[in-house]
Amino acid sequence: MGSINIGDVSKGTKLLFDNAPWLVQEVNFVKPGKGNAFYKLRVQNLLTGNVLEKTLRGGEKCDGADIEDRAMNFLYSDANGYVFMDQTSFEQLTLTKEAVGNDKDFLMENMEVGVTLWNGQPIAIRLPNTVHMLVTYTEPAVKGDTQSRVMKPAKLETGAEIKVPIFVATGDKIAINTQTREYQGRVDK
């Protein structure tokens, strides 16, 4: 990708700093009483997840990162990593365990996810905001424990463990927020 004038940078723009792709989360234009105007950027590294503040002078140019998001289906995982298939070209890509990270806890076969590619190489996935999963094990509720918002651990069909309300039982299908890793409610089976 080519150079981008700092004045054209907005939230969601992907830039290249220190040979790494960064996502712009916030842009603030600052015009002090004296001196030149400048831009304060809040950026997130797409490889590590680190967030930084960058300050650039007005009129500067930045390099745009060659980032592409594709809709793909999760197929399976093996010793090499996690295998995804492009929905249009049927091309298969393997992501490393590091790139998938803790999102593996909510990956199920044939699930549609967004895969982020940088220079044609997969670097991250984006799960749906909510997933529906089966509770494979949780302790039964204790009779008389009616205190509001009592939580207990529950094991999901992928092996992940989250906290659920006391009334959730083994065999229930529940909705989970993948960003916060929190229980959202029960769903019909």
C-alpha atoms as a PDB file:
ATOM      1  CA  MET A   1       0.000   0.000   0.000  1.00  0.00           C
ATOM      2  CA  GLY A   2       1.178   3.560  -0.581  1.00  0.00           C
ATOM      3  CA  SER A   3       1.691   6.601   1.597  1.00  0.00           C
ATOM      4  CA  ILE A   4      -1.218   8.227   3.376  1.00  0.00           C
ATOM      5  CA  ASN A   5      -1.307  11.887   4.407  1.00  0.00           C
ATOM      6  CA  ILE A   6      -1.780  12.156   8.196  1.00  0.00           C
ATOM      7  CA  GLY A   7      -4.812  14.382   7.598  1.00  0.00           C
ATOM      8  CA  ASP A   8      -6.543  11.486   5.798  1.00  0.00           C
ATOM      9  CA  VAL A   9      -6.007   8.975   8.627  1.00  0.00           C
ATOM     10  CA  SER A  10      -9.160   8.029  10.536  1.00  0.00           C
ATOM     11  CA  LYS A  11     -10.348   5.387  12.988  1.00  0.00           C
ATOM     12  CA  GLY A  12     -10.009   1.928  11.429  1.00  0.00           C
ATOM     13  CA  THR A  13      -7.111   2.865   9.121  1.00  0.00           C
ATOM     14  CA  LYS A  14      -4.294   0.314   9.053  1.00  0.00           C
ATOM     15  CA  LEU A  15      -0.781   1.788   9.091  1.00  0.00           C
ATOM     16  CA  LEU A  16       2.776   0.461   9.057  1.00  0.00           C
ATOM     17  CA  PHE A  17       5.120   1.520  11.888  1.00  0.00           C
ATOM     18  CA  ASP A  18       8.425  -0.241  12.681  1.00  0.00           C
ATOM     19  CA  ASN A  19       7.712  -2.942  10.043  1.00  0.00           C
ATOM     20  CA  ALA A  20       4.523  -4.042  11.818  1.00  0.00           C
ATOM     21  CA  PRO A  21       0.827  -3.456  10.990  1.00  0.00           C
ATOM     22  CA  TRP A  22      -1.093  -1.152  13.360  1.00  0.00           C
ATOM     23  CA  LEU A  23      -4.829  -0.406  13.549  1.00  0.00           C
ATOM     24  CA  VAL A  24      -5.791   3.199  14.319  1.00  0.00           C
ATOM     25  CA  GLN A  25      -8.270   3.238  17.224  1.00  0.00           C
ATOM     26  CA  GLU A  26      -8.466   6.984  17.788  1.00  0.00           C
ATOM     27  CA  VAL A  27      -7.273  10.177  16.042  1.00  0.00           C
ATOM     28  CA  ASN A  28      -7.072  13.566  17.769  1.00  0.00           C
ATOM     29  CA  PHE A  29      -6.088  16.773  16.013  1.00  0.00           C
ATOM     30  CA  VAL A  30      -4.277  19.161  18.364  1.00  0.00           C
ATOM     31  CA  LYS A  31      -3.724  22.852  17.514  1.00  0.00           C
ATOM     32  CA  PRO A  32      -1.779  24.449  20.347  1.00  0.00           C
ATOM     33  CA  GLY A  33      -1.778  28.222  20.834  1.00  0.00           C
ATOM     34  CA  LYS A  34       1.856  28.373  19.740  1.00  0.00           C
ATOM     35  CA  GLY A  35       3.637  26.076  17.370  1.00  0.00           C
ATOM     36  CA  ASN A  36       2.528  23.667  14.693  1.00  0.00           C
ATOM     37  CA  ALA A  37      -0.539  21.461  14.737  1.00  0.00           C
ATOM     38  CA  PHE A  38      -0.081  17.752  15.299  1.00  0.00           C
ATOM     39  CA  TYR A  39      -2.069  14.514  15.412  1.00  0.00           C
ATOM     40  CA  LYS A  40      -2.205  12.146  18.368  1.00  0.00           C
ATOM     41  CA  LEU A  41      -2.983   8.585  17.300  1.00  0.00           C
ATOM     42  CA  ARG A  42      -3.953   5.680  19.513  1.00  0.00           C
ATOM     43  CA  VAL A  43      -2.863   2.556  17.610  1.00  0.00           C
ATOM     44  CA  GLN A  44      -2.986  -1.196  18.272  1.00  0.00           C
ATOM     45  CA  ASN A  45      -0.356  -3.616  16.966  1.00  0.00           C
ATOM     46  CA  LEU A  46      -2.167  -6.305  14.962  1.00  0.00           C
ATOM     47  CA  LEU A  47       0.576  -8.863  15.689  1.00  0.00           C
ATOM     48  CA  THR A  48       0.989  -8.446  19.448  1.00  0.00           C
ATOM     49  CA  GLY A  49      -2.160  -6.569  20.533  1.00  0.00           C
ATOM     50  CA  ASN A  50      -0.088  -3.824  22.227  1.00  0.00           C
ATOM     51  CA  VAL A  51      -1.626  -0.332  22.251  1.00  0.00           C
ATOM     52  CA  LEU A  52       0.489   2.821  21.872  1.00  0.00           C
ATOM     53  CA  GLU A  53       0.061   6.555  21.439  1.00  0.00           C
ATOM     54  CA  LYS A  54       1.871   8.025  18.424  1.00  0.00           C
ATOM     55  CA  THR A  55       2.313  11.735  17.759  1.00  0.00           C
ATOM     56  CA  LEU A  56       2.775  12.941  14.178  1.00  0.00           C
ATOM     57  CA  ARG A  57       3.155  16.491  12.836  1.00  0.00           C
ATOM     58  CA  GLY A  58       0.589  17.875  10.432  1.00  0.00           C
ATOM     59  CA  GLY A  59       1.586  17.275   6.794  1.00  0.00           C
ATOM     60  CA  GLU A  60       3.540  14.070   7.550  1.00  0.00           C
ATOM     61  CA  LYS A  61       2.926  10.944   5.533  1.00  0.00           C
ATOM     62  CA  CYS A  62       2.489   7.385   6.874  1.00  0.00           C
ATOM     63  CA  ASP A  63       2.808   4.052   5.140  1.00  0.00           C
ATOM     64  CA  GLY A  64      -0.447   2.131   4.798  1.00  0.00           C
ATOM     65  CA  ALA A  65      -0.359  -1.541   5.792  1.00  0.00           C
ATOM     66  CA  ASP A  66      -1.408  -4.167   3.236  1.00  0.00           C
ATOM     67  CA  ILE A  67      -4.136  -5.692   5.425  1.00  0.00           C
ATOM     68  CA  GLU A  68      -7.043  -7.762   4.134  1.00  0.00           C
ATOM     69  CA  ASP A  69      -9.914  -9.332   6.080  1.00  0.00           C
ATOM     70  CA  ARG A  70     -11.477 -12.474   4.605  1.00  0.00           C
ATOM     71  CA  ALA A  71     -14.483 -14.545   5.647  1.00  0.00           C
ATOM     72  CA  MET A  72     -13.320 -18.118   6.247  1.00  0.00           C
ATOM     73  CA  ASN A  73     -14.600 -21.332   7.812  1.00  0.00           C
ATOM     74  CA  PHE A  74     -12.691 -23.141  10.548  1.00  0.00           C
ATOM     75  CA  LEU A  75     -12.033 -26.730   9.454  1.00  0.00           C
ATOM     76  CA  TYR A  76      -9.832 -28.435  12.067  1.00  0.00           C
ATOM     77  CA  SER A  77      -6.717 -28.120  14.208  1.00  0.00           C
ATOM     78  CA  ASP A  78      -3.620 -30.316  14.111  1.00  0.00           C
ATOM     79  CA  ALA A  79       0.027 -30.205  15.232  1.00  0.00           C
ATOM     80  CA  ASN A  80       0.788 -27.464  12.666  1.00  0.00           C
ATOM     81  CA  GLY A  81      -1.965 -25.111  13.828  1.00  0.00           C
ATOM     82  CA  TYR A  82      -5.542 -24.218  12.908  1.00  0.00           C
ATOM     83  CA  VAL A  83      -6.785 -24.740   9.341  1.00  0.00           C
ATOM     84  CA  PHE A  84      -9.286 -22.331   7.741  1.00  0.00           C
ATOM     85  CA  MET A  85     -10.882 -22.371   4.278  1.00  0.00           C
ATOM     86  CA  ASP A  86     -11.678 -19.294   2.184  1.00  0.00           C
ATOM     87  CA  GLN A  87     -15.399 -19.292   1.338  1.00  0.00           C
ATOM     88  CA  THR A  88     -14.956 -18.035  -2.210  1.00  0.00           C
ATOM     89  CA  SER A  89     -11.689 -19.552  -3.503  1.00  0.00           C
ATOM     90  CA  PHE A  90     -11.754 -22.675  -1.248  1.00  0.00           C
ATOM     91  CA  GLU A  91      -8.068 -22.028  -0.526  1.00  0.00           C
ATOM     92  CA  GLN A  92      -6.897 -23.380   2.849  1.00  0.00           C
ATOM     93  CA  LEU A  93      -4.677 -21.442   5.264  1.00  0.00           C
ATOM     94  CA  THR A  94      -3.032 -22.602   8.476  1.00  0.00           C
ATOM     95  CA  LEU A  95      -2.725 -20.184  11.394  1.00  0.00           C
ATOM     96  CA  THR A  96      -0.252 -20.780  14.204  1.00  0.00           C
ATOM     97  CA  LYS A  97      -1.408 -21.415  17.756  1.00  0.00           C
ATOM     98  CA  GLU A  98       0.039 -17.986  18.705  1.00  0.00           C
ATOM     99  CA  ALA A  99      -2.032 -16.175  16.050  1.00  0.00           C
ATOM    100  CA  VAL A 100      -5.257 -17.848  17.224  1.00  0.00           C
ATOM    101  CA  GLY A 101      -4.425 -17.402  20.931  1.00  0.00           C
ATOM    102  CA  ASN A 102      -7.266 -17.785  23.426  1.00  0.00           C
ATOM    103  CA  ASP A 103      -9.855 -17.559  20.636  1.00  0.00           C
ATOM    104  CA  LYS A 104      -9.321 -21.337  20.271  1.00  0.00           C
ATOM    105  CA  ASP A 105     -11.672 -21.757  23.238  1.00  0.00           C
ATOM    106  CA  PHE A 106     -14.647 -20.761  21.075  1.00  0.00           C
ATOM    107  CA  LEU A 107     -13.670 -22.283  17.692  1.00  0.00           C
ATOM    108  CA  MET A 108     -16.045 -24.982  16.448  1.00  0.00           C
ATOM    109  CA  GLU A 109     -15.946 -26.887  13.162  1.00  0.00           C
ATOM    110  CA  ASN A 110     -17.432 -25.013  10.173  1.00  0.00           C
ATOM    111  CA  MET A 111     -17.706 -21.776  12.199  1.00  0.00           C
ATOM    112  CA  GLU A 112     -17.425 -18.653  10.052  1.00  0.00           C
ATOM    113  CA  VAL A 113     -14.704 -16.279  11.253  1.00  0.00           C
ATOM    114  CA  GLY A 114     -12.830 -13.277   9.871  1.00  0.00           C
ATOM    115  CA  VAL A 115      -9.163 -13.962   9.100  1.00  0.00           C
ATOM    116  CA  THR A 116      -6.787 -10.990   8.908  1.00  0.00           C
ATOM    117  CA  LEU A 117      -4.044 -11.278   6.285  1.00  0.00           C
ATOM    118  CA  TRP A 118      -0.937  -9.079   6.193  1.00  0.00           C
ATOM    119  CA  ASN A 119       1.042  -9.248   2.943  1.00  0.00           C
ATOM    120  CA  GLY A 120      -0.901 -12.427   2.157  1.00  0.00           C
ATOM    121  CA  GLN A 121       0.050 -14.151   5.448  1.00  0.00           C
ATOM    122  CA  PRO A 122      -2.607 -14.895   8.119  1.00  0.00           C
ATOM    123  CA  ILE A 123      -1.909 -13.068  11.405  1.00  0.00           C
ATOM    124  CA  ALA A 124      -5.168 -13.096  13.410  1.00  0.00           C
ATOM    125  CA  ILE A 125      -8.794 -14.195  13.537  1.00  0.00           C
ATOM    126  CA  ARG A 126     -11.960 -12.339  14.483  1.00  0.00           C
ATOM    127  CA  LEU A 127     -14.683 -14.464  16.066  1.00  0.00           C
ATOM    128  CA  PRO A 128     -18.401 -13.652  15.895  1.00  0.00           C
ATOM    129  CA  ASN A 129     -19.435 -11.482  18.872  1.00  0.00           C
ATOM    130  CA  THR A 130     -21.665 -14.262  20.251  1.00  0.00           C
ATOM    131  CA  VAL A 131     -21.355 -18.038  20.002  1.00  0.00           C
ATOM    132  CA  HIS A 132     -23.779 -20.755  21.135  1.00  0.00           C
ATOM    133  CA  MET A 133     -22.134 -23.702  22.896  1.00  0.00           C
ATOM    134  CA  LEU A 134     -23.162 -26.778  24.855  1.00  0.00           C
ATOM    135  CA  VAL A 135     -22.280 -27.097  28.552  1.00  0.00           C
ATOM    136  CA  THR A 136     -20.635 -30.524  28.899  1.00  0.00           C
ATOM    137  CA  TYR A 137     -20.144 -30.364  32.662  1.00  0.00           C
ATOM    138  CA  THR A 138     -21.058 -28.158  35.586  1.00  0.00           C
ATOM    139  CA  GLU A 139     -21.802 -28.862  39.236  1.00  0.00           C
ATOM    140  CA  PRO A 140     -25.513 -29.244  40.034  1.00  0.00           C
ATOM    141  CA  ALA A 141     -27.206 -26.343  41.808  1.00  0.00           C
ATOM    142  CA  VAL A 142     -27.280 -26.510  45.602  1.00  0.00           C
ATOM    143  CA  LYS A 143     -30.813 -26.405  46.977  1.00  0.00           C
ATOM    144  CA  GLY A 144     -31.410 -23.265  48.990  1.00  0.00           C
ATOM    145  CA  ASP A 145     -28.598 -21.275  47.359  1.00  0.00           C
ATOM    146  CA  THR A 146     -30.755 -18.456  46.067  1.00  0.00           C
ATOM    147  CA  GLN A 147     -28.393 -15.549  46.518  1.00  0.00           C
ATOM    148  CA  SER A 148     -28.576 -13.373  43.414  1.00  0.00           C
ATOM    149  CA  ARG A 149     -25.841 -13.662  40.777  1.00  0.00           C
ATOM    150  CA  VAL A 150     -24.120 -16.749  42.195  1.00  0.00           C
ATOM    151  CA  MET A 151     -21.673 -18.022  39.563  1.00  0.00           C
ATOM    152  CA  LYS A 152     -20.063 -21.437  39.103  1.00  0.00           C
ATOM    153  CA  PRO A 153     -17.561 -22.860  36.578  1.00  0.00           C
ATOM    154  CA  ALA A 154     -18.860 -24.715  33.522  1.00  0.00           C
ATOM    155  CA  LYS A 155     -16.921 -26.744  30.960  1.00  0.00           C
ATOM    156  CA  LEU A 156     -17.930 -26.174  27.319  1.00  0.00           C
ATOM    157  CA  GLU A 157     -17.874 -28.539  24.346  1.00  0.00           C
ATOM    158  CA  THR A 158     -14.497 -27.119  23.200  1.00  0.00           C
ATOM    159  CA  GLY A 159     -12.920 -27.734  26.616  1.00  0.00           C
ATOM    160  CA  ALA A 160     -13.007 -24.060  27.610  1.00  0.00           C
ATOM    161  CA  GLU A 161     -14.240 -23.088  31.051  1.00  0.00           C
ATOM    162  CA  ILE A 162     -16.337 -20.018  31.868  1.00  0.00           C
ATOM    163  CA  LYS A 163     -18.459 -18.822  34.791  1.00  0.00           C
ATOM    164  CA  VAL A 164     -22.215 -19.352  34.510  1.00  0.00           C
ATOM    165  CA  PRO A 165     -25.185 -18.637  36.836  1.00  0.00           C
ATOM    166  CA  ILE A 166     -26.105 -21.331  39.342  1.00  0.00           C
ATOM    167  CA  PHE A 167     -29.258 -22.424  37.415  1.00  0.00           C
ATOM    168  CA  VAL A 168     -27.318 -23.537  34.284  1.00  0.00           C
ATOM    169  CA  ALA A 169     -27.111 -27.353  34.087  1.00  0.00           C
ATOM    170  CA  THR A 170     -25.056 -29.889  32.144  1.00  0.00           C
ATOM    171  CA  GLY A 171     -26.580 -30.254  28.664  1.00  0.00           C
ATOM    172  CA  ASP A 172     -27.829 -26.640  28.421  1.00  0.00           C
ATOM    173  CA  LYS A 173     -26.951 -24.630  25.326  1.00  0.00           C
ATOM    174  CA  ILE A 174     -25.763 -21.130  26.228  1.00  0.00           C
ATOM    175  CA  ALA A 175     -24.792 -17.909  24.458  1.00  0.00           C
ATOM    176  CA  ILE A 176     -21.318 -16.519  25.219  1.00  0.00           C
ATOM    177  CA  ASN A 177     -19.822 -13.111  24.426  1.00  0.00           C
ATOM    178  CA  THR A 178     -16.466 -13.935  22.771  1.00  0.00           C
ATOM    179  CA  GLN A 179     -14.895 -10.544  23.587  1.00  0.00           C
ATOM    180  CA  THR A 180     -15.589 -10.609  27.345  1.00  0.00           C
ATOM    181  CA  ARG A 181     -15.771 -14.437  27.676  1.00  0.00           C
ATOM    182  CA  GLU A 182     -18.978 -13.997  29.697  1.00  0.00           C
ATOM    183  CA  TYR A 183     -22.272 -15.909  29.827  1.00  0.00           C
ATOM    184  CA  GLN A 184     -25.096 -14.067  28.037  1.00  0.00           C
ATOM    185  CA  GLY A 185     -28.047 -16.426  28.409  1.00  0.00           C
ATOM    186  CA  ARG A 186     -29.546 -19.798  27.596  1.00  0.00           C
ATOM    187  CA  VAL A 187     -30.657 -20.577  24.051  1.00  0.00           C
ATOM    188  CA  ASP A 188     -33.047 -23.182  22.650  1.00  0.00           C
ATOM    189  CA  LYS A 189     -31.370 -26.418  21.665  1.00  0.00           C
END
